[in-house]
C-alpha atoms as a PDB file:
ATOM      1  CA  MET A   1      23.536 -44.473 -52.155  1.00  0.00           C
ATOM      2  CA  SER A   2      26.351 -41.882 -51.860  1.00  0.00           C
ATOM      3  CA  PHE A   3      27.116 -39.190 -48.956  1.00  0.00           C
ATOM      4  CA  ARG A   4      28.411 -35.962 -49.143  1.00  0.00           C
ATOM      5  CA  ARG A   5      29.678 -34.446 -46.585  1.00  0.00           C
ATOM      6  CA  ALA A   6      28.311 -30.858 -45.923  1.00  0.00           C
ATOM      7  CA  ARG A   7      31.032 -28.133 -46.096  1.00  0.00           C
ATOM      8  CA  TRP A   8      30.720 -26.481 -42.686  1.00  0.00           C
ATOM      9  CA  CYS A   9      30.382 -30.260 -40.862  1.00  0.00           C
ATOM     10  CA  ALA A  10      34.277 -30.463 -40.190  1.00  0.00           C
ATOM     11  CA  PRO A  11      37.169 -27.937 -40.638  1.00  0.00           C
ATOM     12  CA  SER A  12      39.346 -30.116 -42.630  1.00  0.00           C
ATOM     13  CA  VAL A  13      36.277 -29.939 -45.634  1.00  0.00           C
ATOM     14  CA  ARG A  14      37.279 -26.649 -47.282  1.00  0.00           C
ATOM     15  CA  LYS A  15      40.816 -25.187 -47.509  1.00  0.00           C
ATOM     16  CA  ARG A  16      40.508 -21.788 -48.869  1.00  0.00           C
ATOM     17  CA  PRO A  17      37.734 -19.282 -47.847  1.00  0.00           C
ATOM     18  CA  ARG A  18      34.850 -18.505 -50.517  1.00  0.00           C
ATOM     19  CA  ASN A  19      37.357 -15.579 -51.742  1.00  0.00           C
ATOM     20  CA  GLY A  20      39.695 -18.099 -52.609  1.00  0.00           C
ATOM     21  CA  ARG A  21      42.395 -16.287 -50.710  1.00  0.00           C
ATOM     22  CA  PRO A  22      44.377 -18.550 -48.127  1.00  0.00           C
ATOM     23  CA  SER A  23      44.287 -17.262 -44.994  1.00  0.00           C
ATOM     24  CA  ALA A  24      47.602 -17.276 -42.256  1.00  0.00           C
ATOM     25  CA  ARG A  25      46.223 -20.308 -40.545  1.00  0.00           C
ATOM     26  CA  ASN A  26      47.760 -23.385 -42.962  1.00  0.00           C
ATOM     27  CA  GLY A  27      45.081 -22.973 -45.674  1.00  0.00           C
ATOM     28  CA  ARG A  28      41.689 -22.452 -42.837  1.00  0.00           C
ATOM     29  CA  PRO A  29      39.627 -19.878 -42.898  1.00  0.00           C
ATOM     30  CA  THR A  30      40.529 -17.679 -40.036  1.00  0.00           C
ATOM     31  CA  ARG A  31      37.022 -17.293 -38.954  1.00  0.00           C
ATOM     32  CA  PRO A  32      34.449 -19.940 -38.861  1.00  0.00           C
ATOM     33  CA  PRO A  33      31.356 -20.418 -41.300  1.00  0.00           C
ATOM     34  CA  ARG A  34      28.858 -18.476 -40.211  1.00  0.00           C
ATOM     35  CA  ARG A  35      26.921 -21.652 -39.837  1.00  0.00           C
ATOM     36  CA  ARG A  36      28.833 -22.908 -36.693  1.00  0.00           C
ATOM     37  CA  GLN A  37      28.199 -19.449 -35.441  1.00  0.00           C
ATOM     38  CA  GLU A  38      24.593 -19.998 -36.002  1.00  0.00           C
ATOM     39  CA  VAL A  39      24.381 -23.182 -34.757  1.00  0.00           C
ATOM     40  CA  GLU A  40      26.614 -22.440 -31.386  1.00  0.00           C
ATOM     41  CA  GLU A  41      24.008 -19.677 -30.814  1.00  0.00           C
ATOM     42  CA  VAL A  42      20.943 -21.995 -30.930  1.00  0.00           C
ATOM     43  CA  ILE A  43      23.161 -25.652 -29.154  1.00  0.00           C
ATOM     44  CA  PRO A  44      26.381 -24.653 -28.080  1.00  0.00           C
ATOM     45  CA  GLU A  45      27.147 -28.129 -26.770  1.00  0.00           C
ATOM     46  CA  TRP A  46      27.388 -29.137 -30.360  1.00  0.00           C
ATOM     47  CA  VAL A  47      30.161 -26.652 -31.325  1.00  0.00           C
ATOM     48  CA  ALA A  48      33.742 -27.202 -29.652  1.00  0.00           C
ATOM     49  CA  THR A  49      36.559 -25.078 -30.181  1.00  0.00           C
ATOM     50  CA  THR A  50      40.152 -26.504 -30.829  1.00  0.00           C
ATOM     51  CA  GLY A  51      43.483 -25.421 -29.649  1.00  0.00           C
ATOM     52  CA  ASP A  52      44.229 -23.484 -32.512  1.00  0.00           C
ATOM     53  CA  GLY A  53      40.557 -21.489 -32.177  1.00  0.00           C
ATOM     54  CA  THR A  54      38.859 -23.444 -35.467  1.00  0.00           C
ATOM     55  CA  LYS A  55      35.207 -24.324 -34.223  1.00  0.00           C
ATOM     56  CA  VAL A  56      34.330 -28.050 -34.978  1.00  0.00           C
ATOM     57  CA  LEU A  57      30.654 -29.422 -34.625  1.00  0.00           C
ATOM     58  CA  ASN A  58      29.796 -32.810 -32.992  1.00  0.00           C
ATOM     59  CA  MET A  59      26.333 -33.278 -33.296  1.00  0.00           C
ATOM     60  CA  ILE A  60      25.637 -35.885 -30.600  1.00  0.00           C
ATOM     61  CA  GLY A  61      21.900 -36.226 -29.740  1.00  0.00           C
ATOM     62  CA  PHE A  62      20.721 -34.762 -33.218  1.00  0.00           C
ATOM     63  CA  GLU A  63      18.820 -38.029 -34.148  1.00  0.00           C
ATOM     64  CA  ALA A  64      16.716 -38.153 -30.834  1.00  0.00           C
ATOM     65  CA  MET A  65      16.088 -34.477 -31.289  1.00  0.00           C
ATOM     66  CA  ALA A  66      14.723 -34.633 -35.290  1.00  0.00           C
ATOM     67  CA  ILE A  67      12.818 -37.186 -34.112  1.00  0.00           C
ATOM     68  CA  GLU A  68      11.179 -35.246 -31.440  1.00  0.00           C
ATOM     69  CA  ALA A  69      10.193 -32.455 -33.816  1.00  0.00           C
ATOM     70  CA  ILE A  70       9.071 -34.746 -36.602  1.00  0.00           C
ATOM     71  CA  LYS A  71       6.695 -36.013 -33.825  1.00  0.00           C
ATOM     72  CA  GLU A  72       5.697 -32.563 -32.787  1.00  0.00           C
ATOM     73  CA  LEU A  73       5.092 -31.699 -36.142  1.00  0.00           C
ATOM     74  CA  ASN A  74       3.235 -34.380 -37.145  1.00  0.00           C
ATOM     75  CA  SER A  75       0.706 -33.995 -33.855  1.00  0.00           C
ATOM     76  CA  LYS A  76       0.506 -30.108 -35.477  1.00  0.00           C
ATOM     77  CA  ASP A  77      -0.419 -31.461 -38.571  1.00  0.00           C
ATOM     78  CA  GLN A  78      -2.970 -33.878 -37.103  1.00  0.00           C
ATOM     79  CA  GLU A  79      -4.909 -30.955 -34.798  1.00  0.00           C
ATOM     80  CA  LEU A  80      -5.266 -28.975 -38.293  1.00  0.00           C
ATOM     81  CA  GLU A  81      -6.481 -31.856 -40.196  1.00  0.00           C
ATOM     82  CA  ARG A  82      -9.246 -32.412 -37.559  1.00  0.00           C
ATOM     83  CA  ARG A  83     -10.147 -27.880 -37.511  1.00  0.00           C
ATOM     84  CA  ILE A  84     -10.268 -28.403 -41.305  1.00  0.00           C
ATOM     85  CA  GLN A  85     -12.988 -31.378 -40.932  1.00  0.00           C
ATOM     86  CA  ALA A  86     -15.038 -29.385 -38.045  1.00  0.00           C
ATOM     87  CA  LEU A  87     -14.887 -26.109 -40.715  1.00  0.00           C
ATOM     88  CA  GLU A  88     -15.834 -28.125 -43.619  1.00  0.00           C
ATOM     89  CA  GLN A  89     -18.801 -30.223 -41.610  1.00  0.00           C
ATOM     90  CA  ALA A  90     -19.730 -26.527 -40.131  1.00  0.00           C
ATOM     91  CA  ALA A  91     -20.082 -25.139 -43.689  1.00  0.00           C
ATOM     92  CA  LYS A  92     -21.827 -28.020 -44.773  1.00  0.00           C
ATOM     93  CA  GLY A  93     -24.190 -27.594 -42.203  1.00  0.00           C
ATOM     94  CA  SER A  94     -25.248 -24.039 -42.380  1.00  0.00           C
END
């Protein structure tokens, strides 16, 4: 299985901004991509700013957070399944 790096996960991945013109900073975009800003709003400890102002992601703890989210979704799913079964039984009984 090959691993493709997301465009927003490291500053060196994309050398030119989307409009195709190089920026003033050695070919890097002058503004961070929107996704880094969105991540910074929700989980600020995952985003660091380098000396030249470039924002980089360091997603320490992502795995634990993802596992907890999956557990929460599974428990909600099980609760909804129980409610559906109860409603189906109630509909059969009437």
